[in-house]
Amino acid sequence: MWKSIGLLGLLFLGIWGYNAYADSQAHPIPEVTANGEALEVREGSYCWDGFINSMCADMVYTSAFEMGDREKAPALSTTDVIRFEFDREPIPGTLAAELWSGMEQSVPIEFKDGTISVPDQEGYYVVHLSARWEQGTGNYGFGFFVNDSNEETSIAESFRRPPDLLVHAGNEVMTIGAGMYEWTHTDPSGGKISISSLALPRKEVIASLAPLPVESSEELSFDFNLEPNKVDMEVWKKDGSDLPILDEPDLSDFEGVTVFQLTAFWKQGTAQFVFALDVQG
């Protein structure tokens, strides 16, 4: 019996050691924080000789600035400090950092003990990190806004495009991107940038949708990442004809494929969101 227990113990230690070593040889991704909150990091292209196999990943970005571009980036103060850490140290002298403030605007930045000072001017920035290990290379980007304003609008200004719509139907959640929109945001230099997207004909929009099956007894609700000032709703049949709608939609009022269009209004602009439900029961 003791012999069997010993063999099981050795097997367990072997599996644990294998997994630990495999993890230690995986392509590293830095952990980046500011004010104790994690910042999202996007990987760029790299090649890596791993424990099991070797691979190259080709990430298509027009510049390092695009690597960290986020529809909603964290808002930091000029007094904040960004900290980054790898789970294993790169080869000495290969770790470099750049600060990007536009698609073609970058400067090298100094760092010490894995800390980077936040720029002293407001705007949107991307930090690009690059490093090399014996197994290969890595480059990474993360974006953030610098805004010392305490007004609630400082978060709203971080949206470079209309925010997504979250549709809750029972236990299901759908994320809906904006279709037609007109939107204005502030660039790092303080200038205004306006973007827009044209609306497709109603029948083309409906034909592109994949209706989500839901029971008529389920509740329907909506959420935006940025609360709009006003929301208008239209409801259509599958053939594109209009259906009457109350202020608070009740799925029990509908049957079969039903299309919803929400038009939301913010200070930055207007956006339309369209989705379809297949109401059953």
C-alpha atoms as a PDB file:
ATOM      1  CA  MET A   1       0.000   0.000   0.000  1.00  0.00           C
ATOM      2  CA  TRP A   2       2.775   2.427   0.951  1.00  0.00           C
ATOM      3  CA  LYS A   3       4.436   1.676  -2.340  1.00  0.00           C
ATOM      4  CA  SER A   4       1.232   2.640  -4.208  1.00  0.00           C
ATOM      5  CA  ILE A   5       0.909   5.844  -2.190  1.00  0.00           C
ATOM      6  CA  GLY A   6       4.511   6.681  -2.972  1.00  0.00           C
ATOM      7  CA  LEU A   7       3.963   6.116  -6.686  1.00  0.00           C
ATOM      8  CA  LEU A   8       0.869   8.327  -6.631  1.00  0.00           C
ATOM      9  CA  GLY A   9       2.833  11.022  -4.820  1.00  0.00           C
ATOM     10  CA  LEU A  10       5.596  10.882  -7.408  1.00  0.00           C
ATOM     11  CA  LEU A  11       3.007  11.040 -10.211  1.00  0.00           C
ATOM     12  CA  PHE A  12       1.377  14.092  -8.614  1.00  0.00           C
ATOM     13  CA  LEU A  13       4.717  15.835  -8.203  1.00  0.00           C
ATOM     14  CA  GLY A  14       5.602  15.020 -11.789  1.00  0.00           C
ATOM     15  CA  ILE A  15       2.356  16.500 -13.145  1.00  0.00           C
ATOM     16  CA  TRP A  16       2.716  19.568 -10.930  1.00  0.00           C
ATOM     17  CA  GLY A  17       6.317  20.050 -12.003  1.00  0.00           C
ATOM     18  CA  TYR A  18       5.405  19.640 -15.682  1.00  0.00           C
ATOM     19  CA  ASN A  19       2.602  22.221 -15.482  1.00  0.00           C
ATOM     20  CA  ALA A  20       4.739  24.652 -13.495  1.00  0.00           C
ATOM     21  CA  TYR A  21       7.588  24.406 -15.989  1.00  0.00           C
ATOM     22  CA  ALA A  22       5.244  24.733 -18.977  1.00  0.00           C
ATOM     23  CA  ASP A  23       3.690  27.868 -17.435  1.00  0.00           C
ATOM     24  CA  SER A  24       7.143  29.323 -16.811  1.00  0.00           C
ATOM     25  CA  GLN A  25       7.980  28.916 -20.504  1.00  0.00           C
ATOM     26  CA  ALA A  26       4.759  30.476 -21.874  1.00  0.00           C
ATOM     27  CA  HIS A  27       4.906  33.798 -23.702  1.00  0.00           C
ATOM     28  CA  PRO A  28       4.902  36.496 -20.969  1.00  0.00           C
ATOM     29  CA  ILE A  29       2.301  39.271 -20.724  1.00  0.00           C
ATOM     30  CA  PRO A  30       3.003  42.129 -18.315  1.00  0.00           C
ATOM     31  CA  GLU A  31       0.646  42.987 -15.486  1.00  0.00           C
ATOM     32  CA  VAL A  32      -0.047  46.735 -15.652  1.00  0.00           C
ATOM     33  CA  THR A  33      -1.759  48.691 -12.853  1.00  0.00           C
ATOM     34  CA  ALA A  34      -2.517  52.275 -11.868  1.00  0.00           C
ATOM     35  CA  ASN A  35      -4.058  53.187  -8.520  1.00  0.00           C
ATOM     36  CA  GLY A  36      -4.325  49.475  -7.775  1.00  0.00           C
ATOM     37  CA  GLU A  37      -6.549  48.907 -10.833  1.00  0.00           C
ATOM     38  CA  ALA A  38      -5.488  46.669 -13.711  1.00  0.00           C
ATOM     39  CA  LEU A  39      -5.106  48.169 -17.176  1.00  0.00           C
ATOM     40  CA  GLU A  40      -5.964  46.035 -20.185  1.00  0.00           C
ATOM     41  CA  VAL A  41      -2.894  45.028 -22.196  1.00  0.00           C
ATOM     42  CA  ARG A  42      -2.993  44.118 -25.886  1.00  0.00           C
ATOM     43  CA  GLU A  43      -0.264  41.921 -27.388  1.00  0.00           C
ATOM     44  CA  GLY A  44       1.516  42.777 -30.619  1.00  0.00           C
ATOM     45  CA  SER A  45       3.277  40.409 -32.992  1.00  0.00           C
ATOM     46  CA  TYR A  46       5.827  37.999 -31.521  1.00  0.00           C
ATOM     47  CA  CYS A  47       7.750  34.768 -32.050  1.00  0.00           C
ATOM     48  CA  TRP A  48       8.317  32.357 -29.186  1.00  0.00           C
ATOM     49  CA  ASP A  49      10.059  29.035 -28.583  1.00  0.00           C
ATOM     50  CA  GLY A  50       7.800  27.415 -26.010  1.00  0.00           C
ATOM     51  CA  PHE A  51       8.138  24.240 -23.963  1.00  0.00           C
ATOM     52  CA  ILE A  52       5.938  22.212 -26.327  1.00  0.00           C
ATOM     53  CA  ASN A  53       6.310  24.026 -29.651  1.00  0.00           C
ATOM     54  CA  SER A  54       7.459  27.212 -31.350  1.00  0.00           C
ATOM     55  CA  MET A  55       5.108  29.766 -32.829  1.00  0.00           C
ATOM     56  CA  CYS A  56       4.834  33.226 -34.364  1.00  0.00           C
ATOM     57  CA  ALA A  57       1.739  35.383 -33.907  1.00  0.00           C
ATOM     58  CA  ASP A  58       1.106  38.151 -36.437  1.00  0.00           C
ATOM     59  CA  MET A  59      -1.084  40.921 -35.015  1.00  0.00           C
ATOM     60  CA  VAL A  60      -2.058  43.450 -37.667  1.00  0.00           C
ATOM     61  CA  TYR A  61      -1.818  47.019 -36.331  1.00  0.00           C
ATOM     62  CA  THR A  62      -1.038  50.109 -38.397  1.00  0.00           C
ATOM     63  CA  SER A  63       0.980  51.512 -35.493  1.00  0.00           C
ATOM     64  CA  ALA A  64       1.673  50.908 -31.815  1.00  0.00           C
ATOM     65  CA  PHE A  65      -0.912  53.600 -31.059  1.00  0.00           C
ATOM     66  CA  GLU A  66      -3.623  51.314 -32.419  1.00  0.00           C
ATOM     67  CA  MET A  67      -2.495  48.473 -30.140  1.00  0.00           C
ATOM     68  CA  GLY A  68      -3.711  50.295 -27.057  1.00  0.00           C
ATOM     69  CA  ASP A  69      -6.723  52.002 -28.581  1.00  0.00           C
ATOM     70  CA  ARG A  70      -9.842  51.322 -26.539  1.00  0.00           C
ATOM     71  CA  GLU A  71     -13.413  52.547 -26.871  1.00  0.00           C
ATOM     72  CA  LYS A  72     -13.306  53.060 -23.142  1.00  0.00           C
ATOM     73  CA  ALA A  73      -9.899  53.590 -21.591  1.00  0.00           C
ATOM     74  CA  PRO A  74      -9.277  54.354 -17.889  1.00  0.00           C
ATOM     75  CA  ALA A  75      -9.015  58.020 -16.889  1.00  0.00           C
ATOM     76  CA  LEU A  76      -5.842  58.778 -14.908  1.00  0.00           C
ATOM     77  CA  SER A  77      -4.587  61.886 -13.142  1.00  0.00           C
ATOM     78  CA  THR A  78      -1.258  63.589 -13.877  1.00  0.00           C
ATOM     79  CA  THR A  79      -0.152  62.609 -10.363  1.00  0.00           C
ATOM     80  CA  ASP A  80      -0.761  58.891 -10.911  1.00  0.00           C
ATOM     81  CA  VAL A  81       1.991  56.334 -11.505  1.00  0.00           C
ATOM     82  CA  ILE A  82       1.696  53.348 -13.850  1.00  0.00           C
ATOM     83  CA  ARG A  83       3.381  50.122 -12.739  1.00  0.00           C
ATOM     84  CA  PHE A  84       4.197  47.141 -14.936  1.00  0.00           C
ATOM     85  CA  GLU A  85       5.721  43.782 -14.107  1.00  0.00           C
ATOM     86  CA  PHE A  86       6.652  40.639 -16.050  1.00  0.00           C
ATOM     87  CA  ASP A  87       6.613  37.211 -14.420  1.00  0.00           C
ATOM     88  CA  ARG A  88      10.194  36.755 -15.662  1.00  0.00           C
ATOM     89  CA  GLU A  89      12.834  39.358 -16.352  1.00  0.00           C
ATOM     90  CA  PRO A  90      13.694  40.185 -19.997  1.00  0.00           C
ATOM     91  CA  ILE A  91      17.295  40.075 -21.191  1.00  0.00           C
ATOM     92  CA  PRO A  92      19.050  43.107 -19.662  1.00  0.00           C
ATOM     93  CA  GLY A  93      19.040  46.142 -21.937  1.00  0.00           C
ATOM     94  CA  THR A  94      16.222  44.880 -24.201  1.00  0.00           C
ATOM     95  CA  LEU A  95      13.228  46.376 -22.382  1.00  0.00           C
ATOM     96  CA  ALA A  96      12.090  49.650 -23.978  1.00  0.00           C
ATOM     97  CA  ALA A  97       9.052  51.914 -23.658  1.00  0.00           C
ATOM     98  CA  GLU A  98       7.479  54.514 -25.934  1.00  0.00           C
ATOM     99  CA  LEU A  99       4.673  56.992 -25.350  1.00  0.00           C
ATOM    100  CA  TRP A 100       2.299  57.440 -28.284  1.00  0.00           C
ATOM    101  CA  SER A 101      -0.113  60.382 -28.549  1.00  0.00           C
ATOM    102  CA  GLY A 102      -1.217  59.735 -32.141  1.00  0.00           C
ATOM    103  CA  MET A 103      -0.883  57.246 -35.000  1.00  0.00           C
ATOM    104  CA  GLU A 104       2.525  58.708 -35.949  1.00  0.00           C
ATOM    105  CA  GLN A 105       3.524  60.574 -32.793  1.00  0.00           C
ATOM    106  CA  SER A 106       5.777  58.778 -30.315  1.00  0.00           C
ATOM    107  CA  VAL A 107       8.680  59.524 -27.977  1.00  0.00           C
ATOM    108  CA  PRO A 108      10.879  57.187 -25.899  1.00  0.00           C
ATOM    109  CA  ILE A 109      10.059  57.306 -22.204  1.00  0.00           C
ATOM    110  CA  GLU A 110      12.150  56.572 -19.165  1.00  0.00           C
ATOM    111  CA  PHE A 111      11.086  54.102 -16.510  1.00  0.00           C
ATOM    112  CA  LYS A 112      12.577  52.916 -13.252  1.00  0.00           C
ATOM    113  CA  ASP A 113      11.779  49.730 -11.339  1.00  0.00           C
ATOM    114  CA  GLY A 114       8.768  49.106 -13.560  1.00  0.00           C
ATOM    115  CA  THR A 115       7.120  52.498 -12.993  1.00  0.00           C
ATOM    116  CA  ILE A 116       6.075  55.102 -15.572  1.00  0.00           C
ATOM    117  CA  SER A 117       4.907  58.622 -14.767  1.00  0.00           C
ATOM    118  CA  VAL A 118       1.630  59.775 -16.291  1.00  0.00           C
ATOM    119  CA  PRO A 119       2.049  62.642 -18.822  1.00  0.00           C
ATOM    120  CA  ASP A 120       1.406  66.133 -17.439  1.00  0.00           C
ATOM    121  CA  GLN A 121      -0.960  67.125 -20.272  1.00  0.00           C
ATOM    122  CA  GLU A 122      -4.492  65.885 -20.718  1.00  0.00           C
ATOM    123  CA  GLY A 123      -5.349  63.644 -23.659  1.00  0.00           C
ATOM    124  CA  TYR A 124      -5.352  60.037 -24.810  1.00  0.00           C
ATOM    125  CA  TYR A 125      -2.061  58.102 -24.757  1.00  0.00           C
ATOM    126  CA  VAL A 126      -0.722  54.632 -25.475  1.00  0.00           C
ATOM    127  CA  VAL A 127       2.357  53.104 -23.841  1.00  0.00           C
ATOM    128  CA  HIS A 128       4.187  50.583 -26.027  1.00  0.00           C
ATOM    129  CA  LEU A 129       6.509  48.104 -24.300  1.00  0.00           C
ATOM    130  CA  SER A 130       8.956  45.835 -26.126  1.00  0.00           C
ATOM    131  CA  ALA A 131      11.367  43.261 -24.733  1.00  0.00           C
ATOM    132  CA  ARG A 132      13.374  40.171 -25.597  1.00  0.00           C
ATOM    133  CA  TRP A 133      13.933  36.867 -23.826  1.00  0.00           C
ATOM    134  CA  GLU A 134      16.030  33.867 -24.766  1.00  0.00           C
ATOM    135  CA  GLN A 135      12.875  32.194 -26.105  1.00  0.00           C
ATOM    136  CA  GLY A 136      11.790  35.142 -28.246  1.00  0.00           C
ATOM    137  CA  THR A 137      10.349  38.639 -28.295  1.00  0.00           C
ATOM    138  CA  GLY A 138       7.266  40.475 -27.148  1.00  0.00           C
ATOM    139  CA  ASN A 139       5.614  43.855 -27.591  1.00  0.00           C
ATOM    140  CA  TYR A 140       2.559  45.198 -25.822  1.00  0.00           C
ATOM    141  CA  GLY A 141       0.317  48.252 -25.757  1.00  0.00           C
ATOM    142  CA  PHE A 142      -2.100  49.767 -23.272  1.00  0.00           C
ATOM    143  CA  GLY A 143      -4.062  52.993 -23.481  1.00  0.00           C
ATOM    144  CA  PHE A 144      -5.346  55.550 -20.990  1.00  0.00           C
ATOM    145  CA  PHE A 145      -6.730  59.053 -20.772  1.00  0.00           C
ATOM    146  CA  VAL A 146      -5.157  61.788 -18.685  1.00  0.00           C
ATOM    147  CA  ASN A 147      -7.822  64.001 -17.166  1.00  0.00           C
ATOM    148  CA  ASP A 148      -7.560  65.918 -13.897  1.00  0.00           C
ATOM    149  CA  SER A 149     -11.197  67.021 -14.030  1.00  0.00           C
ATOM    150  CA  ASN A 150     -13.479  65.632 -11.322  1.00  0.00           C
ATOM    151  CA  GLU A 151     -16.545  66.164 -13.501  1.00  0.00           C
ATOM    152  CA  GLU A 152     -18.501  63.108 -14.572  1.00  0.00           C
ATOM    153  CA  THR A 153     -18.042  64.126 -18.200  1.00  0.00           C
ATOM    154  CA  SER A 154     -14.343  63.186 -17.979  1.00  0.00           C
ATOM    155  CA  ILE A 155     -15.301  59.503 -18.290  1.00  0.00           C
ATOM    156  CA  ALA A 156     -17.745  60.248 -21.091  1.00  0.00           C
ATOM    157  CA  GLU A 157     -15.001  61.944 -23.102  1.00  0.00           C
ATOM    158  CA  SER A 158     -13.013  58.682 -23.106  1.00  0.00           C
ATOM    159  CA  PHE A 159     -15.460  57.151 -25.609  1.00  0.00           C
ATOM    160  CA  ARG A 160     -13.969  57.528 -29.079  1.00  0.00           C
ATOM    161  CA  ARG A 161     -17.040  55.819 -30.599  1.00  0.00           C
ATOM    162  CA  PRO A 162     -20.613  55.273 -29.400  1.00  0.00           C
ATOM    163  CA  PRO A 163     -20.738  52.777 -26.510  1.00  0.00           C
ATOM    164  CA  ASP A 164     -22.184  49.301 -27.016  1.00  0.00           C
ATOM    165  CA  LEU A 165     -25.719  48.366 -26.049  1.00  0.00           C
ATOM    166  CA  LEU A 166     -26.225  45.394 -23.705  1.00  0.00           C
ATOM    167  CA  VAL A 167     -29.548  43.622 -24.206  1.00  0.00           C
ATOM    168  CA  HIS A 168     -30.752  41.421 -21.331  1.00  0.00           C
ATOM    169  CA  ALA A 169     -33.452  38.882 -22.276  1.00  0.00           C
ATOM    170  CA  GLY A 170     -33.965  36.434 -19.440  1.00  0.00           C
ATOM    171  CA  ASN A 171     -30.569  34.799 -18.812  1.00  0.00           C
ATOM    172  CA  GLU A 172     -29.227  35.810 -22.215  1.00  0.00           C
ATOM    173  CA  VAL A 173     -27.080  38.905 -22.829  1.00  0.00           C
ATOM    174  CA  MET A 174     -26.415  40.352 -26.293  1.00  0.00           C
ATOM    175  CA  THR A 175     -23.789  43.000 -27.049  1.00  0.00           C
ATOM    176  CA  ILE A 176     -24.939  45.256 -29.888  1.00  0.00           C
ATOM    177  CA  GLY A 177     -22.623  47.708 -31.633  1.00  0.00           C
ATOM    178  CA  ALA A 178     -23.852  50.949 -33.125  1.00  0.00           C
ATOM    179  CA  GLY A 179     -25.136  50.898 -36.701  1.00  0.00           C
ATOM    180  CA  MET A 180     -25.791  54.413 -37.949  1.00  0.00           C
ATOM    181  CA  TYR A 181     -24.127  57.071 -35.774  1.00  0.00           C
ATOM    182  CA  GLU A 182     -22.722  60.575 -35.611  1.00  0.00           C
ATOM    183  CA  TRP A 183     -20.127  61.070 -32.882  1.00  0.00           C
ATOM    184  CA  THR A 184     -17.621  63.702 -31.760  1.00  0.00           C
ATOM    185  CA  HIS A 185     -14.744  63.167 -29.331  1.00  0.00           C
ATOM    186  CA  THR A 186     -11.668  65.086 -28.174  1.00  0.00           C
ATOM    187  CA  ASP A 187      -8.218  64.058 -29.408  1.00  0.00           C
ATOM    188  CA  PRO A 188      -5.042  64.283 -27.248  1.00  0.00           C
ATOM    189  CA  SER A 189      -4.258  67.777 -28.545  1.00  0.00           C
ATOM    190  CA  GLY A 190      -7.682  69.054 -27.461  1.00  0.00           C
ATOM    191  CA  GLY A 191      -9.127  69.160 -30.973  1.00  0.00           C
ATOM    192  CA  LYS A 192     -12.531  67.781 -31.897  1.00  0.00           C
ATOM    193  CA  ILE A 193     -12.814  64.730 -34.154  1.00  0.00           C
ATOM    194  CA  SER A 194     -16.164  63.838 -35.723  1.00  0.00           C
ATOM    195  CA  ILE A 195     -16.953  60.394 -37.141  1.00  0.00           C
ATOM    196  CA  SER A 196     -20.110  58.951 -38.661  1.00  0.00           C
ATOM    197  CA  SER A 197     -21.601  55.832 -40.190  1.00  0.00           C
ATOM    198  CA  LEU A 198     -24.459  55.738 -42.701  1.00  0.00           C
ATOM    199  CA  ALA A 199     -27.678  53.815 -42.112  1.00  0.00           C
ATOM    200  CA  LEU A 200     -28.565  50.842 -44.317  1.00  0.00           C
ATOM    201  CA  PRO A 201     -32.088  50.352 -45.708  1.00  0.00           C
ATOM    202  CA  ARG A 202     -34.378  48.735 -43.168  1.00  0.00           C
ATOM    203  CA  LYS A 203     -34.821  45.490 -45.111  1.00  0.00           C
ATOM    204  CA  GLU A 204     -31.039  45.060 -45.466  1.00  0.00           C
ATOM    205  CA  VAL A 205     -30.576  45.593 -41.737  1.00  0.00           C
ATOM    206  CA  ILE A 206     -33.246  43.011 -40.901  1.00  0.00           C
ATOM    207  CA  ALA A 207     -31.770  40.467 -43.329  1.00  0.00           C
ATOM    208  CA  SER A 208     -28.375  40.747 -41.593  1.00  0.00           C
ATOM    209  CA  LEU A 209     -29.735  39.942 -38.113  1.00  0.00           C
ATOM    210  CA  ALA A 210     -29.654  36.590 -36.292  1.00  0.00           C
ATOM    211  CA  PRO A 211     -32.731  36.523 -34.022  1.00  0.00           C
ATOM    212  CA  LEU A 212     -32.149  35.317 -30.473  1.00  0.00           C
ATOM    213  CA  PRO A 213     -34.812  32.773 -29.325  1.00  0.00           C
ATOM    214  CA  VAL A 214     -36.502  33.943 -26.100  1.00  0.00           C
ATOM    215  CA  GLU A 215     -39.604  32.977 -24.163  1.00  0.00           C
ATOM    216  CA  SER A 216     -42.439  35.512 -24.050  1.00  0.00           C
ATOM    217  CA  SER A 217     -42.436  35.261 -20.234  1.00  0.00           C
ATOM    218  CA  GLU A 218     -38.859  36.558 -19.961  1.00  0.00           C
ATOM    219  CA  GLU A 219     -37.994  40.121 -19.024  1.00  0.00           C
ATOM    220  CA  LEU A 220     -36.325  42.490 -21.486  1.00  0.00           C
ATOM    221  CA  SER A 221     -33.999  45.289 -20.377  1.00  0.00           C
ATOM    222  CA  PHE A 222     -31.200  47.431 -21.808  1.00  0.00           C
ATOM    223  CA  ASP A 223     -27.882  48.805 -20.584  1.00  0.00           C
ATOM    224  CA  PHE A 224     -25.339  51.187 -22.096  1.00  0.00           C
ATOM    225  CA  ASN A 225     -21.718  51.499 -20.978  1.00  0.00           C
ATOM    226  CA  LEU A 226     -22.374  55.231 -21.008  1.00  0.00           C
ATOM    227  CA  GLU A 227     -25.831  56.355 -19.892  1.00  0.00           C
ATOM    228  CA  PRO A 228     -27.566  58.291 -22.699  1.00  0.00           C
ATOM    229  CA  ASN A 229     -29.606  61.439 -22.162  1.00  0.00           C
ATOM    230  CA  LYS A 230     -32.544  59.986 -24.100  1.00  0.00           C
ATOM    231  CA  VAL A 231     -33.541  56.752 -25.858  1.00  0.00           C
ATOM    232  CA  ASP A 232     -36.242  56.306 -28.523  1.00  0.00           C
ATOM    233  CA  MET A 233     -37.487  52.878 -29.578  1.00  0.00           C
ATOM    234  CA  GLU A 234     -39.076  51.442 -32.699  1.00  0.00           C
ATOM    235  CA  VAL A 235     -40.300  47.856 -33.151  1.00  0.00           C
ATOM    236  CA  TRP A 236     -40.715  46.176 -36.538  1.00  0.00           C
ATOM    237  CA  LYS A 237     -42.085  42.946 -37.885  1.00  0.00           C
ATOM    238  CA  LYS A 238     -39.841  40.613 -39.873  1.00  0.00           C
ATOM    239  CA  ASP A 239     -41.127  42.202 -43.098  1.00  0.00           C
ATOM    240  CA  GLY A 240     -40.104  45.672 -41.888  1.00  0.00           C
ATOM    241  CA  SER A 241     -43.543  46.996 -41.030  1.00  0.00           C
ATOM    242  CA  ASP A 242     -43.969  48.934 -37.787  1.00  0.00           C
ATOM    243  CA  LEU A 243     -45.416  47.531 -34.581  1.00  0.00           C
ATOM    244  CA  PRO A 244     -46.925  49.586 -31.741  1.00  0.00           C
ATOM    245  CA  ILE A 245     -44.685  49.868 -28.689  1.00  0.00           C
ATOM    246  CA  LEU A 246     -45.111  51.007 -25.114  1.00  0.00           C
ATOM    247  CA  ASP A 247     -42.483  52.868 -23.091  1.00  0.00           C
ATOM    248  CA  GLU A 248     -41.664  49.619 -21.241  1.00  0.00           C
ATOM    249  CA  PRO A 249     -41.626  46.744 -23.786  1.00  0.00           C
ATOM    250  CA  ASP A 250     -43.163  43.471 -22.656  1.00  0.00           C
ATOM    251  CA  LEU A 251     -42.189  40.376 -24.629  1.00  0.00           C
ATOM    252  CA  SER A 252     -45.629  38.879 -24.067  1.00  0.00           C
ATOM    253  CA  ASP A 253     -46.930  41.555 -26.475  1.00  0.00           C
ATOM    254  CA  PHE A 254     -44.931  40.042 -29.363  1.00  0.00           C
ATOM    255  CA  GLU A 255     -44.759  36.755 -31.252  1.00  0.00           C
ATOM    256  CA  GLY A 256     -42.190  35.361 -33.650  1.00  0.00           C
ATOM    257  CA  VAL A 257     -39.292  37.351 -35.090  1.00  0.00           C
ATOM    258  CA  THR A 258     -39.439  40.893 -33.758  1.00  0.00           C
ATOM    259  CA  VAL A 259     -36.900  43.614 -34.538  1.00  0.00           C
ATOM    260  CA  PHE A 260     -36.030  46.394 -32.090  1.00  0.00           C
ATOM    261  CA  GLN A 261     -34.285  49.644 -32.994  1.00  0.00           C
ATOM    262  CA  LEU A 262     -33.034  51.911 -30.211  1.00  0.00           C
ATOM    263  CA  THR A 263     -31.876  55.439 -30.999  1.00  0.00           C
ATOM    264  CA  ALA A 264     -29.769  56.853 -28.172  1.00  0.00           C
ATOM    265  CA  PHE A 265     -28.715  60.475 -27.666  1.00  0.00           C
ATOM    266  CA  TRP A 266     -25.591  61.695 -25.843  1.00  0.00           C
ATOM    267  CA  LYS A 267     -23.793  65.000 -25.656  1.00  0.00           C
ATOM    268  CA  GLN A 268     -21.238  63.539 -28.066  1.00  0.00           C
ATOM    269  CA  GLY A 269     -23.803  62.469 -30.641  1.00  0.00           C
ATOM    270  CA  THR A 270     -26.461  59.976 -31.678  1.00  0.00           C
ATOM    271  CA  ALA A 271     -26.375  56.240 -32.456  1.00  0.00           C
ATOM    272  CA  GLN A 272     -28.824  53.544 -33.535  1.00  0.00           C
ATOM    273  CA  PHE A 273     -28.765  49.931 -32.336  1.00  0.00           C
ATOM    274  CA  VAL A 274     -30.779  47.157 -34.003  1.00  0.00           C
ATOM    275  CA  PHE A 275     -31.332  43.578 -32.825  1.00  0.00           C
ATOM    276  CA  ALA A 276     -33.880  40.805 -33.351  1.00  0.00           C
ATOM    277  CA  LEU A 277     -35.603  38.408 -30.970  1.00  0.00           C
ATOM    278  CA  ASP A 278     -37.583  35.291 -31.878  1.00  0.00           C
ATOM    279  CA  VAL A 279     -40.324  35.454 -29.243  1.00  0.00           C
ATOM    280  CA  GLN A 280     -41.724  31.995 -28.472  1.00  0.00           C
ATOM    281  CA  GLY A 281     -44.473  30.654 -26.263  1.00  0.00           C
END
